[in-house]
Amino acid sequence: MRVHLINPSHVSFGIAVITPRWLYVLAAATPREYGDPLITDETLEQFDPTSIAEGDVVGIGIHTGNALRGYEVGKLARERGARVVYGGIHATLYPDEAFDLGGGHAVVKGDGDIAWAQAIKGCLREDFGKVYEGGKVDAAHFLKARWDLLPPDRYMWASVQTVRGCPKHCSFCSVWRTDGQEPRQRGVDAVLHEIVELRRRGFRFIALADDNFYPVTLEDLDQASRRADHHRFDELTRLRSERFELMDRLAKLPSDMNFFTQITMEAAEDPEFLDAMRRARIKGALVGIESVTAEGLKDVYKGFNLYGEALVTRLQQFKRHGVHVLGSFIFGLPSDRAETFNATAALALKADVTFAQFVMLTPFPGTIDFAKWELGESKKTHTDAVDGIPITRHWLIPQARRPKVYSPHPTLSPEEIRDRTQGVWDQFYSMPHIWRRSRAVKSLKNRVGFVLCSKLYRQMYANTGIATDSARHAKSERMARLLAKPCRRLFIAKPMPELQVPC
């Protein structure tokens, strides 16, 4: 009997940007008596069903975007006589789908650090049809990933998690519902040991794969300080102090190491925190900007963000402290108008964000947006469907037939939203703008590398996600494969097997 772990994907690029951390965490959670699990990441290459033998246990992690491919893989594995276990955010929300559509024998809901081993043992006892409640594991029990199982020469960046959960409640995001609003912050020593192991293996760029690297804002502290009971204030102060301790320790690592994370806009109001990020060489951060208008921010329950010139000033604050922003914008909000697209592109360029992504509003399960949309669809006399599949189950529609825009818009057609979104990608990632932004790095070699990485990002995350033309989609996949190999060489360094954990 062998244990398999599979990350499903309908698109494979040969080389991936960031390691899918969950695969290697569950590898660590696999009891050693079953041997090392066989790991398949379909963002690299497609799964080979012949690798499955009768009696094997196959773990498949799914989010909403790859659920349909996950079900296809699960059915193939079951046909080979394997016991199939599903996990991940989507399986947590829709465990019945995994049984009914994916050939599942068991489902793990919530964190898999502990429950995955229980599911394996249950399958071997043929205790089928069971749901294992993984819950929200305490940070002290987060597992270190089995990075010794990584395939060579396939990933540009490694990933380490320092905190799970996010205290915000954005309408388009399910993290605060599935991972909780109370940050579960991992110990500094555990984080450092894992990072050092990765640098020993040659990874010098590491994503701090957190829901929100800035879990305690200055406003949070101010509000807590006004309470008669200072317990909450003391707790938040401790969490903030641990963030600074982590960054102080990161600063002692080899100078060629760089980090990237995800953070909320409020961090721009905290110069002490940004300075600590700069010393720690946390040189980039995904910032959810979402909308450049006040109305758009209300649409997504993100009133704590700014808009207009105030937004430009705040974004520039990150860069002044040495933190490059990957700005994330959403199109298709109810308040969006035709002029919103050009205004967004102009603001992104004026604010000098280093990278940007422009996504179309998609109602994902577990979010407020999805609940409102699903309720509205249920009240219609005739529910919209594609090939008999209700639009409210869009993840079950085959990829080639899946709509790009789901929610009806008061003034814009779906095709107009898609075309205008594609146009913003084209404008922001035009060669003149990319070359100007490449001044963020010094040498000519690094500037050329910046251009390659920008083009790769454009191919991987825009054309393959927004384009409806199958020929354009296929061409983008080929281009991404060609660009990925030279890009990877920019990020990998000579291994440092003797590196020690800094005190």
Protein backbone atom coordinates (compact mmCIF):
# COMPACT_ATOMS: atom_id res chain seq x y z
CA MET A 1 0.00 0.00 0.00
CA ARG A 2 1.24 3.47 -0.91
CA VAL A 3 -0.08 6.89 0.07
CA HIS A 4 -0.52 9.47 -2.71
CA LEU A 5 -1.08 13.22 -2.38
CA ILE A 6 -2.39 15.08 -5.43
CA ASN A 7 -2.82 18.79 -6.17
CA PRO A 8 -5.29 18.90 -9.09
CA SER A 9 -5.02 21.43 -11.91
CA HIS A 10 -6.46 21.65 -15.40
CA VAL A 11 -3.37 23.60 -16.54
CA SER A 12 0.25 22.47 -16.22
CA PHE A 13 3.23 24.75 -16.79
CA GLY A 14 6.14 22.37 -16.15
CA ILE A 15 7.60 24.74 -13.57
CA ALA A 16 5.62 26.48 -10.82
CA VAL A 17 6.23 29.75 -9.01
CA ILE A 18 5.50 28.76 -5.38
CA THR A 19 5.52 25.36 -3.70
CA PRO A 20 2.00 24.12 -2.79
CA ARG A 21 2.73 23.96 0.90
CA TRP A 22 -0.26 21.83 1.91
CA LEU A 23 1.09 18.85 -0.08
CA TYR A 24 4.27 18.74 1.96
CA VAL A 25 2.55 19.44 5.28
CA LEU A 26 0.27 16.46 4.70
CA ALA A 27 3.33 14.46 3.71
CA ALA A 28 4.66 15.25 7.20
CA ALA A 29 1.29 14.23 8.67
CA THR A 30 1.44 10.83 6.94
CA PRO A 31 2.43 8.17 9.51
CA ARG A 32 5.92 6.89 8.78
CA GLU A 33 4.79 3.24 8.85
CA TYR A 34 3.14 3.85 5.47
CA GLY A 35 6.36 5.13 3.89
CA ASP A 36 6.95 8.39 2.06
CA PRO A 37 3.87 9.50 0.12
CA LEU A 38 4.03 9.89 -3.66
CA ILE A 39 3.34 13.54 -4.48
CA THR A 40 1.79 14.84 -7.71
CA ASP A 41 1.42 18.55 -8.37
CA GLU A 42 -0.60 18.95 -11.56
CA THR A 43 0.53 22.54 -11.98
CA LEU A 44 3.80 20.85 -13.03
CA GLU A 45 2.62 17.75 -14.90
CA GLN A 46 -0.62 15.84 -15.18
CA PHE A 47 -1.37 12.93 -12.87
CA ASP A 48 -0.53 9.43 -14.17
CA PRO A 49 -3.31 6.99 -13.16
CA THR A 50 -1.01 4.00 -13.68
CA SER A 51 0.96 5.08 -10.59
CA ILE A 52 -2.06 4.03 -8.47
CA ALA A 53 -2.36 0.42 -7.28
CA GLU A 54 -5.28 -1.35 -5.68
CA GLY A 55 -5.46 -0.65 -1.95
CA ASP A 56 -3.50 2.62 -2.13
CA VAL A 57 -4.78 5.70 -0.27
CA VAL A 58 -5.08 8.86 -2.38
CA GLY A 59 -5.43 12.30 -0.76
CA ILE A 60 -6.75 15.07 -3.02
CA GLY A 61 -6.84 18.70 -1.86
CA ILE A 62 -9.39 20.93 -3.58
CA HIS A 63 -10.39 24.55 -3.60
CA THR A 64 -13.38 25.74 -5.60
CA GLY A 65 -11.37 26.55 -8.74
CA ASN A 66 -9.92 23.06 -9.13
CA ALA A 67 -12.73 20.99 -7.60
CA LEU A 68 -13.96 19.57 -10.92
CA ARG A 69 -10.48 18.40 -11.90
CA GLY A 70 -10.10 16.97 -8.39
CA TYR A 71 -13.26 14.92 -8.84
CA GLU A 72 -11.98 13.62 -12.18
CA VAL A 73 -8.72 12.51 -10.52
CA GLY A 74 -10.59 10.93 -7.62
CA LYS A 75 -12.80 8.85 -9.91
CA LEU A 76 -9.75 7.67 -11.86
CA ALA A 77 -8.04 6.67 -8.60
CA ARG A 78 -11.13 4.81 -7.36
CA GLU A 79 -11.38 2.92 -10.65
CA ARG A 80 -7.83 1.71 -9.97
CA GLY A 81 -8.96 0.30 -6.62
CA ALA A 82 -7.63 3.11 -4.40
CA ARG A 83 -9.27 4.57 -1.28
CA VAL A 84 -9.88 8.26 -2.00
CA VAL A 85 -9.83 11.03 0.64
CA TYR A 86 -10.72 14.65 -0.10
CA GLY A 87 -9.67 17.72 1.85
CA GLY A 88 -9.20 21.45 1.38
CA ILE A 89 -11.49 24.47 1.57
CA HIS A 90 -14.02 23.23 -0.98
CA ALA A 91 -14.31 19.76 0.55
CA THR A 92 -14.81 21.45 3.92
CA LEU A 93 -17.74 23.43 2.50
CA TYR A 94 -19.22 20.69 0.30
CA PRO A 95 -18.25 17.27 1.70
CA ASP A 96 -21.21 15.56 0.01
CA GLU A 97 -19.90 16.53 -3.43
CA ALA A 98 -16.69 14.61 -2.78
CA PHE A 99 -18.69 11.45 -2.09
CA ASP A 100 -21.32 11.91 -4.81
CA LEU A 101 -19.20 13.31 -7.66
CA GLY A 102 -15.59 12.49 -6.85
CA GLY A 103 -15.63 8.85 -5.84
CA GLY A 104 -14.58 9.76 -2.31
CA HIS A 105 -14.36 7.26 0.51
CA ALA A 106 -13.72 9.91 3.21
CA VAL A 107 -13.46 13.68 3.66
CA VAL A 108 -11.28 15.76 5.97
CA LYS A 109 -12.85 19.09 6.94
CA GLY A 110 -10.66 21.93 8.20
CA ASP A 111 -6.96 21.53 8.99
CA GLY A 112 -5.36 18.25 8.04
CA ASP A 113 -2.33 18.35 10.36
CA ILE A 114 -3.90 15.75 12.67
CA ALA A 115 -7.04 14.49 10.88
CA TRP A 116 -5.20 13.26 7.74
CA ALA A 117 -3.55 10.40 9.65
CA GLN A 118 -6.92 9.46 11.13
CA ALA A 119 -8.47 9.35 7.66
CA ILE A 120 -5.73 7.06 6.32
CA LYS A 121 -6.24 4.60 9.15
CA GLY A 122 -10.01 4.72 8.71
CA CYS A 123 -9.72 3.93 5.00
CA LEU A 124 -7.43 0.99 5.68
CA ARG A 125 -10.09 -0.35 8.08
CA GLU A 126 -12.60 0.22 5.24
CA ASP A 127 -14.48 2.63 7.48
CA PHE A 128 -15.85 4.47 4.44
CA GLY A 129 -18.26 7.38 4.11
CA LYS A 130 -16.83 9.16 7.11
CA VAL A 131 -16.13 12.89 7.58
CA TYR A 132 -13.12 13.69 9.78
CA GLU A 133 -13.30 17.04 11.58
CA GLY A 134 -9.83 18.59 11.43
CA GLY A 135 -11.08 21.88 12.88
CA LYS A 136 -8.68 24.76 13.47
CA VAL A 137 -5.44 23.32 14.78
CA ASP A 138 -3.63 25.33 17.45
CA ALA A 139 -0.48 27.01 16.16
CA ALA A 140 1.67 24.88 18.47
CA HIS A 141 0.58 21.83 16.45
CA PHE A 142 1.27 23.21 12.95
CA LEU A 143 3.47 20.72 11.15
CA LYS A 144 6.74 21.49 9.39
CA ALA A 145 6.56 20.50 5.73
CA ARG A 146 8.49 17.51 4.32
CA TRP A 147 10.67 19.56 1.97
CA ASP A 148 12.97 16.58 1.48
CA LEU A 149 10.28 15.23 -0.88
CA LEU A 150 10.38 18.21 -3.25
CA PRO A 151 11.13 17.32 -6.89
CA PRO A 152 14.36 18.98 -8.06
CA ASP A 153 14.39 22.06 -10.31
CA ARG A 154 10.62 22.60 -10.41
CA TYR A 155 9.79 25.55 -8.13
CA MET A 156 11.02 29.14 -8.11
CA TRP A 157 10.00 30.02 -4.55
CA ALA A 158 9.43 27.99 -1.42
CA SER A 159 6.65 28.72 1.08
CA VAL A 160 6.45 28.86 4.87
CA GLN A 161 3.39 29.70 6.95
CA THR A 162 3.68 31.89 10.04
CA VAL A 163 0.01 32.58 10.85
CA ARG A 164 -3.43 31.21 9.93
CA GLY A 165 -6.63 33.22 10.04
CA CYS A 166 -7.51 36.85 9.33
CA PRO A 167 -9.41 39.29 11.56
CA LYS A 168 -11.04 41.05 8.58
CA HIS A 169 -14.39 40.11 7.03
CA CYS A 170 -14.14 41.01 3.33
CA SER A 171 -17.27 40.00 1.43
CA PHE A 172 -15.42 38.17 -1.38
CA CYS A 173 -13.13 36.13 0.90
CA SER A 174 -13.85 32.88 2.76
CA VAL A 175 -10.63 32.76 4.83
CA TRP A 176 -12.10 34.46 7.88
CA ARG A 177 -14.91 31.90 7.89
CA THR A 178 -12.89 28.76 7.19
CA ASP A 179 -9.63 29.64 9.01
CA GLY A 180 -11.18 31.94 11.60
CA GLN A 181 -10.78 35.58 12.54
CA GLU A 182 -8.53 34.87 15.51
CA PRO A 183 -4.91 34.72 14.28
CA ARG A 184 -3.14 31.46 15.09
CA GLN A 185 0.47 32.57 15.12
CA ARG A 186 3.25 30.01 14.79
CA GLY A 187 6.29 30.11 17.08
CA VAL A 188 9.30 32.04 15.78
CA ASP A 189 11.74 29.15 16.29
CA ALA A 190 9.59 26.75 14.25
CA VAL A 191 9.37 29.25 11.39
CA LEU A 192 13.12 29.91 11.39
CA HIS A 193 14.04 26.22 11.40
CA GLU A 194 11.91 25.62 8.34
CA ILE A 195 13.26 28.64 6.48
CA VAL A 196 16.84 27.62 7.19
CA GLU A 197 16.14 24.12 5.87
CA LEU A 198 14.88 25.64 2.63
CA ARG A 199 17.93 27.89 2.24
CA ARG A 200 20.12 24.85 2.78
CA ARG A 201 18.37 23.39 -0.26
CA GLY A 202 19.02 26.45 -2.43
CA PHE A 203 15.81 28.46 -2.01
CA ARG A 204 16.56 32.12 -1.39
CA PHE A 205 13.09 33.49 -2.23
CA ILE A 206 10.39 32.40 0.20
CA ALA A 207 6.71 33.27 0.34
CA LEU A 208 5.37 33.72 3.85
CA ALA A 209 2.09 32.05 2.91
CA ASP A 210 -0.12 33.74 5.49
CA ASP A 211 -3.71 34.85 5.33
CA ASN A 212 -2.57 38.19 6.75
CA PHE A 213 1.02 38.86 7.87
CA TYR A 214 -0.18 41.98 9.72
CA PRO A 215 -2.80 40.50 12.08
CA VAL A 216 -2.67 43.33 14.64
CA THR A 217 -3.16 46.92 13.45
CA LEU A 218 -2.48 50.12 15.36
CA GLU A 219 -6.24 50.72 15.38
CA ASP A 220 -6.78 47.29 16.98
CA LEU A 221 -4.35 48.20 19.76
CA ASP A 222 -5.94 51.61 20.26
CA GLN A 223 -9.42 50.15 20.61
CA ALA A 224 -8.26 47.40 22.98
CA SER A 225 -6.41 49.91 25.17
CA ARG A 226 -9.68 51.73 25.90
CA ARG A 227 -11.30 48.68 27.44
CA ALA A 228 -11.48 48.36 31.20
CA ASP A 229 -10.28 44.77 30.88
CA HIS A 230 -6.76 44.88 29.39
CA HIS A 231 -6.63 41.15 28.64
CA ARG A 232 -7.29 41.72 24.92
CA PHE A 233 -4.75 44.54 24.76
CA ASP A 234 -2.10 42.34 26.35
CA GLU A 235 -2.87 39.50 23.91
CA LEU A 236 -2.60 41.79 20.88
CA THR A 237 0.61 43.32 22.22
CA ARG A 238 2.10 39.84 22.55
CA LEU A 239 1.15 38.94 18.98
CA ARG A 240 2.64 42.16 17.67
CA SER A 241 5.86 41.63 19.66
CA GLU A 242 6.20 38.14 18.16
CA ARG A 243 5.89 39.64 14.66
CA PHE A 244 8.81 41.95 15.42
CA GLU A 245 10.83 39.11 16.93
CA LEU A 246 10.29 37.08 13.76
CA MET A 247 11.39 39.95 11.54
CA ASP A 248 14.46 40.61 13.72
CA ARG A 249 15.48 36.95 13.31
CA LEU A 250 14.83 37.00 9.54
CA ALA A 251 17.19 39.96 9.26
CA LYS A 252 20.03 37.72 10.51
CA LEU A 253 19.65 35.21 7.68
CA PRO A 254 21.98 35.31 4.62
CA SER A 255 21.71 38.61 2.78
CA ASP A 256 20.69 36.96 -0.50
CA MET A 257 17.38 35.82 1.00
CA ASN A 258 14.16 37.64 0.15
CA PHE A 259 10.61 37.21 1.39
CA PHE A 260 7.16 37.96 0.04
CA THR A 261 3.89 37.97 1.97
CA GLN A 262 0.24 39.08 2.02
CA ILE A 263 -0.79 42.08 4.04
CA THR A 264 -3.63 44.56 4.51
CA MET A 265 -3.46 48.20 3.53
CA GLU A 266 -3.40 49.41 7.14
CA ALA A 267 0.25 48.38 7.43
CA ALA A 268 1.09 51.54 5.45
CA GLU A 269 0.05 53.54 8.55
CA ASP A 270 2.62 51.68 10.66
CA PRO A 271 6.13 52.92 9.73
CA GLU A 272 7.73 50.95 12.56
CA PHE A 273 6.32 47.72 11.15
CA LEU A 274 7.33 48.62 7.58
CA ASP A 275 10.87 49.43 8.70
CA ALA A 276 11.07 46.04 10.38
CA MET A 277 9.89 44.42 7.15
CA ARG A 278 12.62 46.21 5.23
CA ARG A 279 15.31 45.03 7.66
CA ALA A 280 13.94 41.48 7.36
CA ARG A 281 14.12 41.75 3.55
CA ILE A 282 10.38 41.19 3.19
CA LYS A 283 10.61 42.97 -0.14
CA GLY A 284 7.16 42.32 -1.53
CA ALA A 285 3.58 42.05 -0.37
CA LEU A 286 0.27 41.22 -1.97
CA VAL A 287 -2.07 44.03 -0.95
CA GLY A 288 -5.80 43.69 -1.54
CA ILE A 289 -6.68 47.09 -3.00
CA GLU A 290 -9.86 45.69 -4.62
CA SER A 291 -11.36 48.98 -5.83
CA VAL A 292 -10.23 52.55 -6.50
CA THR A 293 -13.65 54.04 -5.64
CA ALA A 294 -15.43 54.57 -2.35
CA GLU A 295 -18.53 52.81 -3.71
CA GLY A 296 -16.49 49.77 -4.76
CA LEU A 297 -14.94 49.45 -1.31
CA LYS A 298 -18.40 49.49 0.25
CA ASP A 299 -19.41 46.72 -2.16
CA VAL A 300 -16.72 44.42 -0.70
CA TYR A 301 -17.01 45.47 2.98
CA LYS A 302 -13.56 47.01 2.85
CA GLY A 303 -14.18 50.52 4.09
CA PHE A 304 -10.84 50.54 5.92
CA ASN A 305 -9.10 50.97 2.52
CA LEU A 306 -8.61 54.37 0.93
CA TYR A 307 -9.36 55.47 -2.62
CA GLY A 308 -8.31 58.18 -5.08
CA GLU A 309 -5.23 60.29 -4.30
CA ALA A 310 -5.19 59.11 -0.69
CA LEU A 311 -4.85 55.55 -2.01
CA VAL A 312 -1.94 56.55 -4.25
CA THR A 313 -0.16 58.14 -1.29
CA ARG A 314 -0.70 55.10 0.90
CA LEU A 315 0.57 52.66 -1.72
CA GLN A 316 3.64 54.79 -2.30
CA GLN A 317 4.30 54.59 1.44
CA PHE A 318 5.04 50.86 1.08
CA LYS A 319 7.63 51.51 -1.59
CA ARG A 320 9.30 54.29 0.40
CA HIS A 321 9.93 51.66 3.06
CA GLY A 322 11.36 49.19 0.57
CA VAL A 323 8.26 46.98 0.23
CA HIS A 324 7.13 46.38 -3.36
CA VAL A 325 3.39 45.96 -3.80
CA LEU A 326 1.55 43.35 -5.83
CA GLY A 327 -1.76 45.15 -6.00
CA SER A 328 -4.92 43.08 -6.35
CA PHE A 329 -7.95 44.69 -8.00
CA ILE A 330 -11.47 43.32 -8.58
CA PHE A 331 -13.64 44.18 -11.58
CA GLY A 332 -17.36 43.56 -11.94
CA LEU A 333 -18.45 45.10 -8.64
CA PRO A 334 -22.02 46.48 -8.72
CA SER A 335 -20.75 50.07 -8.59
CA ASP A 336 -18.24 49.63 -11.44
CA ARG A 337 -18.86 51.62 -14.62
CA ALA A 338 -17.07 51.69 -17.97
CA GLU A 339 -14.75 54.43 -16.75
CA THR A 340 -13.71 52.40 -13.68
CA PHE A 341 -11.36 50.21 -15.75
CA ASN A 342 -9.23 53.04 -17.14
CA ALA A 343 -9.28 54.77 -13.77
CA THR A 344 -7.97 51.61 -12.11
CA ALA A 345 -5.17 51.18 -14.68
CA ALA A 346 -4.20 54.85 -14.30
CA LEU A 347 -4.10 54.63 -10.50
CA ALA A 348 -2.03 51.42 -10.52
CA LEU A 349 0.50 53.11 -12.80
CA LYS A 350 0.52 56.38 -10.84
CA ALA A 351 0.93 54.61 -7.51
CA ASP A 352 3.89 52.74 -9.04
CA VAL A 353 2.86 49.32 -7.79
CA THR A 354 5.51 46.86 -8.94
CA PHE A 355 3.07 44.11 -9.99
CA ALA A 356 -0.70 44.00 -10.25
CA GLN A 357 -3.45 41.48 -10.82
CA PHE A 358 -6.89 42.33 -12.15
CA VAL A 359 -9.48 39.67 -11.38
CA MET A 360 -13.15 39.49 -12.23
CA LEU A 361 -15.59 39.17 -9.36
CA THR A 362 -16.34 35.50 -8.80
CA PRO A 363 -18.76 34.45 -6.06
CA PHE A 364 -16.89 31.72 -4.17
CA PRO A 365 -18.60 29.44 -1.65
CA GLY A 366 -18.12 30.42 1.96
CA THR A 367 -18.20 34.14 1.17
CA ILE A 368 -20.86 36.78 1.83
CA ASP A 369 -20.93 37.54 -1.90
CA PHE A 370 -21.76 33.93 -2.74
CA ALA A 371 -24.52 33.67 -0.14
CA LYS A 372 -26.21 36.83 -1.46
CA TRP A 373 -25.83 35.73 -5.07
CA GLU A 374 -27.09 32.20 -4.43
CA LEU A 375 -30.12 33.57 -2.58
CA GLY A 376 -30.89 35.90 -5.46
CA GLU A 377 -30.59 33.09 -8.01
CA SER A 378 -32.89 30.86 -5.94
CA LYS A 379 -35.66 33.44 -6.17
CA LYS A 380 -35.64 33.44 -9.98
CA THR A 381 -38.33 31.58 -11.87
CA HIS A 382 -35.72 30.02 -14.17
CA THR A 383 -32.23 29.44 -12.75
CA ASP A 384 -29.39 30.09 -15.21
CA ALA A 385 -27.57 26.91 -16.21
CA VAL A 386 -24.83 25.65 -18.55
CA ASP A 387 -25.28 22.13 -19.94
CA GLY A 388 -27.87 21.53 -17.24
CA ILE A 389 -25.54 22.60 -14.40
CA PRO A 390 -26.91 25.52 -12.33
CA ILE A 391 -24.72 28.59 -12.53
CA THR A 392 -24.64 28.60 -8.73
CA ARG A 393 -22.49 25.46 -9.02
CA HIS A 394 -20.13 27.06 -11.54
CA TRP A 395 -17.16 24.97 -10.40
CA LEU A 396 -18.87 21.87 -11.82
CA ILE A 397 -19.09 23.35 -15.32
CA PRO A 398 -16.26 22.11 -17.61
CA GLN A 399 -13.45 24.65 -17.82
CA ALA A 400 -13.94 25.42 -21.51
CA ARG A 401 -17.65 26.14 -20.96
CA ARG A 402 -17.35 27.95 -17.65
CA PRO A 403 -18.48 31.60 -17.73
CA LYS A 404 -15.98 34.31 -16.88
CA VAL A 405 -18.56 36.55 -15.20
CA TYR A 406 -21.33 35.20 -12.99
CA SER A 407 -23.19 37.95 -11.20
CA PRO A 408 -25.49 40.09 -13.35
CA HIS A 409 -24.25 43.67 -13.48
CA PRO A 410 -26.57 46.68 -13.45
CA THR A 411 -24.87 48.47 -16.38
CA LEU A 412 -22.17 46.26 -17.95
CA SER A 413 -22.51 43.06 -19.96
CA PRO A 414 -20.37 40.03 -19.04
CA GLU A 415 -18.40 40.33 -22.28
CA GLU A 416 -17.74 44.03 -21.68
CA ILE A 417 -16.41 43.30 -18.20
CA ARG A 418 -14.16 40.55 -19.59
CA ASP A 419 -12.89 42.66 -22.52
CA ARG A 420 -12.19 45.68 -20.37
CA THR A 421 -10.44 43.57 -17.73
CA GLN A 422 -8.22 42.02 -20.42
CA GLY A 423 -7.50 45.54 -21.68
CA VAL A 424 -6.27 46.65 -18.25
CA TRP A 425 -3.92 43.64 -18.09
CA ASP A 426 -2.63 44.55 -21.57
CA GLN A 427 -2.06 48.17 -20.57
CA PHE A 428 -0.35 47.53 -17.26
CA TYR A 429 1.90 44.80 -18.68
CA SER A 430 2.83 46.59 -21.89
CA MET A 431 6.58 46.61 -22.53
CA PRO A 432 7.11 50.37 -21.92
CA HIS A 433 5.41 50.17 -18.53
CA ILE A 434 7.21 46.96 -17.55
CA TRP A 435 10.57 48.45 -18.50
CA ARG A 436 9.88 51.58 -16.47
CA ARG A 437 8.93 49.50 -13.42
CA SER A 438 12.08 47.39 -13.85
CA ARG A 439 14.03 50.30 -12.36
CA ALA A 440 13.04 48.75 -9.06
CA VAL A 441 16.12 46.52 -9.52
CA LYS A 442 19.67 47.68 -10.19
CA SER A 443 21.63 45.72 -12.79
CA LEU A 444 20.72 45.25 -16.46
CA LYS A 445 20.60 41.49 -15.88
CA ASN A 446 18.05 41.91 -13.10
CA ARG A 447 16.01 44.34 -15.18
CA VAL A 448 15.82 41.79 -17.98
CA GLY A 449 14.82 39.21 -15.37
CA PHE A 450 12.10 41.57 -14.14
CA VAL A 451 10.72 41.80 -17.68
CA LEU A 452 10.70 38.01 -18.05
CA CYS A 453 8.93 37.56 -14.72
CA SER A 454 6.34 40.21 -15.61
CA LYS A 455 5.60 38.51 -18.90
CA LEU A 456 5.40 35.12 -17.19
CA TYR A 457 2.95 36.48 -14.62
CA ARG A 458 0.89 37.97 -17.44
CA GLN A 459 0.75 34.65 -19.30
CA MET A 460 0.03 32.45 -16.28
CA TYR A 461 -2.58 34.54 -14.53
CA ALA A 462 -4.31 36.59 -17.22
CA ASN A 463 -4.50 34.80 -20.57
CA THR A 464 -5.07 31.38 -19.04
CA GLY A 465 -7.73 32.72 -16.69
CA ILE A 466 -9.57 35.39 -18.67
CA ALA A 467 -9.19 34.48 -22.36
CA THR A 468 -12.13 32.68 -23.94
CA ASP A 469 -10.26 31.91 -27.15
CA SER A 470 -8.87 28.35 -26.83
CA ALA A 471 -6.00 29.13 -29.23
CA ARG A 472 -4.93 32.11 -27.14
CA HIS A 473 -5.21 29.99 -24.01
CA ALA A 474 -2.99 27.26 -25.50
CA LYS A 475 -0.45 29.79 -26.76
CA SER A 476 -0.25 31.37 -23.32
CA GLU A 477 0.39 27.99 -21.72
CA ARG A 478 3.22 27.32 -24.18
CA MET A 479 4.71 30.77 -23.59
CA ALA A 480 4.53 30.27 -19.82
CA ARG A 481 6.43 26.99 -20.14
CA LEU A 482 9.15 28.69 -22.20
CA LEU A 483 9.49 31.65 -19.83
CA ALA A 484 9.38 29.62 -16.63
CA LYS A 485 12.76 27.91 -17.00
CA PRO A 486 14.91 31.06 -17.39
CA CYS A 487 12.84 32.80 -14.72
CA ARG A 488 13.50 30.03 -12.22
CA ARG A 489 17.26 30.45 -12.60
CA LEU A 490 16.90 34.04 -11.39
CA PHE A 491 15.56 32.92 -8.02
CA ILE A 492 17.54 29.81 -7.10
CA ALA A 493 20.96 30.00 -5.40
CA LYS A 494 23.73 27.62 -4.50
CA PRO A 495 22.68 25.42 -1.54
CA MET A 496 24.04 26.30 1.90
CA PRO A 497 24.00 22.92 3.72
CA GLU A 498 25.95 24.26 6.71
CA LEU A 499 23.65 27.19 7.43
CA GLN A 500 22.59 27.44 11.09
CA VAL A 501 19.45 28.93 12.62
CA PRO A 502 20.20 32.48 13.82
CA CYS A 503 19.59 33.27 17.49
